[in-house]
Amino acid sequence: MVDPRLRVPRHVKVFEKMMVQLLFKMRVRSTSGYLTLLKEIKNPVTDHIPANTELIRVEKDGELINMFDFAQQLSVRTNSIDGATSGSSAAPTGVAGSAAFSSSKRQQLEKERKFKPFAFIVGGMSTGDVTVDYADKEKVQSIKLAEHGMSAAAALSLILHSFEECWLREDNENEDI
C-alpha cells in the first residue's frame, strides 16, 4: 500500500534506508509517526484487488502492442458507458459558446466518465513468464511491450508514461470545452 502523500527520496542512500525499513518493519511511517506511508500487504493479493478488475499480464510471450495506443484504447474502454465515449458527442452549431452549453457538456462528460479498474501484472522480465495463480494465461489478456527483453523497471516506466500522456491529453482537451 502506498499513501499518495509519500515523497520518494531523491538520494539513493535515503531511498535504500526507506526500502530496508519497509522490508524489516513491513511499513514506513512519516516523521510525525502516526501516518503509514508505505505498507507491505499480506498474501493473497486477490484480497486487495477490487472486484471486476481487468487484469493484464505483461510478459515476453504476449501479443506485441504499442503501449501508447493500448493506453488510449483502455482509457476509452474504462471511460465509456453504453458505447458512448468521452469524445464522441459533437457540439451543436451556434450554441457551443454559450455558458449553458458548456456546463451541460461538462455534466455529460462527468456522467460518461465511469471508471472500470484495471491492473497490470508485471513479473521478472528475465524469466519471461508471469506465474501467478490468480491470473490464468487463458483467462487474462497477455501483452508484450517490445520485441526485445525489458527489465520490470523499464516496463513499468513505459506503462506509466503512456497512461500519463493519454490522460494529460484528455485533460487538456476537456479544459478547452
Protein backbone atom coordinates (compact mmCIF):
# COMPACT_ATOMS: atom_id res chain seq x y z
CA MET A 1 0.00 0.00 0.00
CA VAL A 2 1.39 3.39 -0.97
CA ASP A 3 -0.04 6.56 0.53
CA PRO A 4 -0.31 9.39 -2.03
CA ARG A 5 1.40 11.74 0.43
CA LEU A 6 4.64 9.75 0.19
CA ARG A 7 7.55 11.77 -1.16
CA VAL A 8 10.10 9.43 -2.70
CA PRO A 9 13.62 10.42 -1.62
CA ARG A 10 15.85 11.92 -4.31
CA HIS A 11 19.07 10.41 -2.99
CA VAL A 12 19.79 6.72 -3.39
CA LYS A 13 21.10 6.27 0.16
CA VAL A 14 17.91 7.67 1.71
CA PHE A 15 15.78 5.60 -0.67
CA GLU A 16 17.73 2.46 0.32
CA LYS A 17 17.13 3.21 4.01
CA MET A 18 13.42 3.57 3.32
CA MET A 19 13.27 0.23 1.45
CA VAL A 20 15.24 -1.55 4.20
CA GLN A 21 12.79 -0.18 6.76
CA LEU A 22 9.89 -1.42 4.62
CA LEU A 23 11.37 -4.91 4.33
CA PHE A 24 12.25 -5.28 8.01
CA LYS A 25 9.36 -3.47 9.72
CA MET A 26 6.76 -4.12 6.94
CA ARG A 27 5.87 -0.40 6.93
CA VAL A 28 7.33 3.07 6.61
CA ARG A 29 5.86 5.77 8.81
CA SER A 30 6.04 9.52 8.42
CA THR A 31 8.40 11.57 10.57
CA SER A 32 5.46 12.56 12.76
CA GLY A 33 4.97 8.85 13.43
CA TYR A 34 1.21 8.43 13.14
CA LEU A 35 0.82 8.18 9.36
CA THR A 36 1.81 4.99 7.49
CA LEU A 37 3.23 5.95 4.09
CA LEU A 38 4.26 2.51 2.80
CA LYS A 39 2.94 -0.83 3.95
CA GLU A 40 3.64 -4.33 2.73
CA ILE A 41 0.40 -6.16 2.03
CA LYS A 42 -0.18 -9.75 3.04
CA ASN A 43 -0.97 -12.56 0.63
CA PRO A 44 -3.21 -13.38 -1.13
CA VAL A 45 -3.02 -10.35 -3.38
CA THR A 46 -6.55 -11.02 -4.61
CA ASP A 47 -7.87 -9.71 -1.29
CA HIS A 48 -6.54 -6.27 -2.27
CA ILE A 49 -7.64 -6.18 -5.92
CA PRO A 50 -11.07 -4.55 -6.42
CA ALA A 51 -13.91 -6.62 -7.87
CA ASN A 52 -14.39 -6.58 -11.67
CA THR A 53 -10.79 -5.50 -12.23
CA GLU A 54 -9.44 -6.24 -15.69
CA LEU A 55 -6.09 -7.99 -15.28
CA ILE A 56 -3.42 -7.62 -17.97
CA ARG A 57 -0.26 -9.74 -17.93
CA VAL A 58 2.96 -8.15 -19.22
CA GLU A 59 5.33 -10.86 -20.43
CA LYS A 60 7.60 -11.94 -23.28
CA ASP A 61 5.07 -14.34 -24.83
CA GLY A 62 2.13 -11.93 -25.11
CA GLU A 63 0.71 -10.06 -28.07
CA LEU A 64 3.04 -7.27 -29.23
CA ILE A 65 1.34 -3.90 -28.77
CA ASN A 66 2.11 -0.21 -28.98
CA MET A 67 1.68 0.85 -25.35
CA PHE A 68 0.57 4.40 -26.19
CA ASP A 69 -2.25 3.08 -28.44
CA PHE A 70 -3.14 0.44 -25.85
CA ALA A 71 -3.39 3.09 -23.11
CA GLN A 72 -5.71 5.12 -25.34
CA GLN A 73 -7.91 2.06 -26.03
CA LEU A 74 -8.02 1.11 -22.36
CA SER A 75 -8.85 4.68 -21.41
CA VAL A 76 -11.74 4.76 -23.89
CA ARG A 77 -13.00 1.38 -22.65
CA THR A 78 -12.88 2.41 -19.00
CA ASN A 79 -14.46 5.81 -19.63
CA SER A 80 -17.36 4.59 -21.75
CA ILE A 81 -20.94 3.86 -20.78
CA ASP A 82 -23.24 2.01 -23.18
CA GLY A 83 -20.88 2.55 -26.10
CA ALA A 84 -20.59 6.33 -25.69
CA THR A 85 -17.10 7.70 -25.20
CA SER A 86 -16.00 10.98 -23.71
CA GLY A 87 -15.02 12.36 -27.11
CA SER A 88 -17.98 11.09 -29.12
CA SER A 89 -20.64 13.78 -28.73
CA ALA A 90 -20.42 16.72 -31.09
CA ALA A 91 -21.34 20.29 -30.22
CA PRO A 92 -24.46 21.68 -31.86
CA THR A 93 -23.73 24.66 -34.08
CA GLY A 94 -24.49 28.10 -32.74
CA VAL A 95 -24.61 27.03 -29.09
CA ALA A 96 -21.01 26.00 -28.48
CA GLY A 97 -20.02 29.36 -27.00
CA SER A 98 -22.87 29.66 -24.51
CA ALA A 99 -22.31 29.07 -20.80
CA ALA A 100 -25.37 26.81 -20.56
CA PHE A 101 -23.97 24.53 -23.22
CA SER A 102 -20.54 24.29 -21.61
CA SER A 103 -22.00 23.42 -18.19
CA SER A 104 -24.32 20.80 -19.70
CA LYS A 105 -21.40 19.44 -21.73
CA ARG A 106 -19.29 19.21 -18.56
CA GLN A 107 -22.10 17.39 -16.74
CA GLN A 108 -22.46 14.96 -19.65
CA LEU A 109 -18.71 14.27 -19.63
CA GLU A 110 -18.82 13.63 -15.88
CA LYS A 111 -21.64 11.10 -16.35
CA GLU A 112 -19.80 9.35 -19.17
CA ARG A 113 -16.59 9.03 -17.20
CA LYS A 114 -17.28 5.86 -15.25
CA PHE A 115 -14.09 4.13 -14.26
CA LYS A 116 -13.59 0.38 -14.64
CA PRO A 117 -10.45 -0.63 -12.76
CA PHE A 118 -7.58 -2.43 -14.45
CA ALA A 119 -4.29 -3.81 -13.17
CA PHE A 120 -1.06 -4.84 -14.83
CA ILE A 121 0.79 -7.92 -13.65
CA VAL A 122 4.49 -7.41 -14.31
CA GLY A 123 6.79 -10.26 -13.41
CA GLY A 124 10.53 -10.64 -13.52
CA MET A 125 11.10 -9.94 -17.18
CA SER A 126 14.26 -12.02 -17.40
CA THR A 127 12.24 -15.15 -16.66
CA GLY A 128 9.75 -14.27 -19.37
CA ASP A 129 6.51 -15.63 -17.93
CA VAL A 130 4.35 -14.37 -15.11
CA THR A 131 3.40 -17.26 -12.85
CA VAL A 132 0.55 -16.27 -10.55
CA ASP A 133 -2.38 -18.39 -9.50
CA TYR A 134 -5.00 -15.61 -9.71
CA ALA A 135 -4.42 -14.78 -13.40
CA ASP A 136 -4.54 -17.84 -15.65
CA LYS A 137 -2.96 -17.36 -19.05
CA GLU A 138 -6.16 -18.46 -20.80
CA LYS A 139 -8.45 -16.08 -18.88
CA VAL A 140 -6.30 -12.92 -18.81
CA GLN A 141 -5.00 -10.79 -21.67
CA SER A 142 -1.22 -11.11 -22.18
CA ILE A 143 0.74 -8.30 -23.80
CA LYS A 144 4.34 -7.75 -24.86
CA LEU A 145 5.73 -4.21 -24.88
CA ALA A 146 8.74 -4.73 -27.17
CA GLU A 147 10.45 -7.29 -29.37
CA HIS A 148 13.50 -7.27 -27.12
CA GLY A 149 13.65 -8.16 -23.43
CA MET A 150 12.97 -5.42 -20.90
CA SER A 151 13.56 -5.09 -17.20
CA ALA A 152 10.48 -4.77 -15.00
CA ALA A 153 11.52 -1.18 -14.21
CA ALA A 154 11.61 -0.29 -17.92
CA ALA A 155 8.23 -1.98 -18.49
CA LEU A 156 6.62 -0.10 -15.60
CA SER A 157 8.16 3.17 -16.78
CA LEU A 158 6.72 2.68 -20.27
CA ILE A 159 3.27 1.77 -18.90
CA LEU A 160 3.13 4.79 -16.58
CA HIS A 161 4.44 7.17 -19.23
CA SER A 162 1.88 6.04 -21.80
CA PHE A 163 -1.06 6.50 -19.42
CA GLU A 164 0.29 9.84 -18.28
CA GLU A 165 0.47 11.05 -21.88
CA CYS A 166 -3.01 9.73 -22.66
CA TRP A 167 -4.69 11.21 -19.58
CA LEU A 168 -2.89 14.55 -19.82
CA ARG A 169 -4.01 14.83 -23.44
CA GLU A 170 -7.62 14.10 -22.40
CA ASP A 171 -7.47 16.65 -19.56
CA ASN A 172 -6.07 19.32 -21.86
CA GLU A 173 -8.80 18.65 -24.44
CA ASN A 174 -11.52 18.80 -21.76
CA GLU A 175 -10.26 22.19 -20.49
CA ASP A 176 -10.98 23.69 -23.90
CA ILE A 177 -14.66 22.74 -23.66
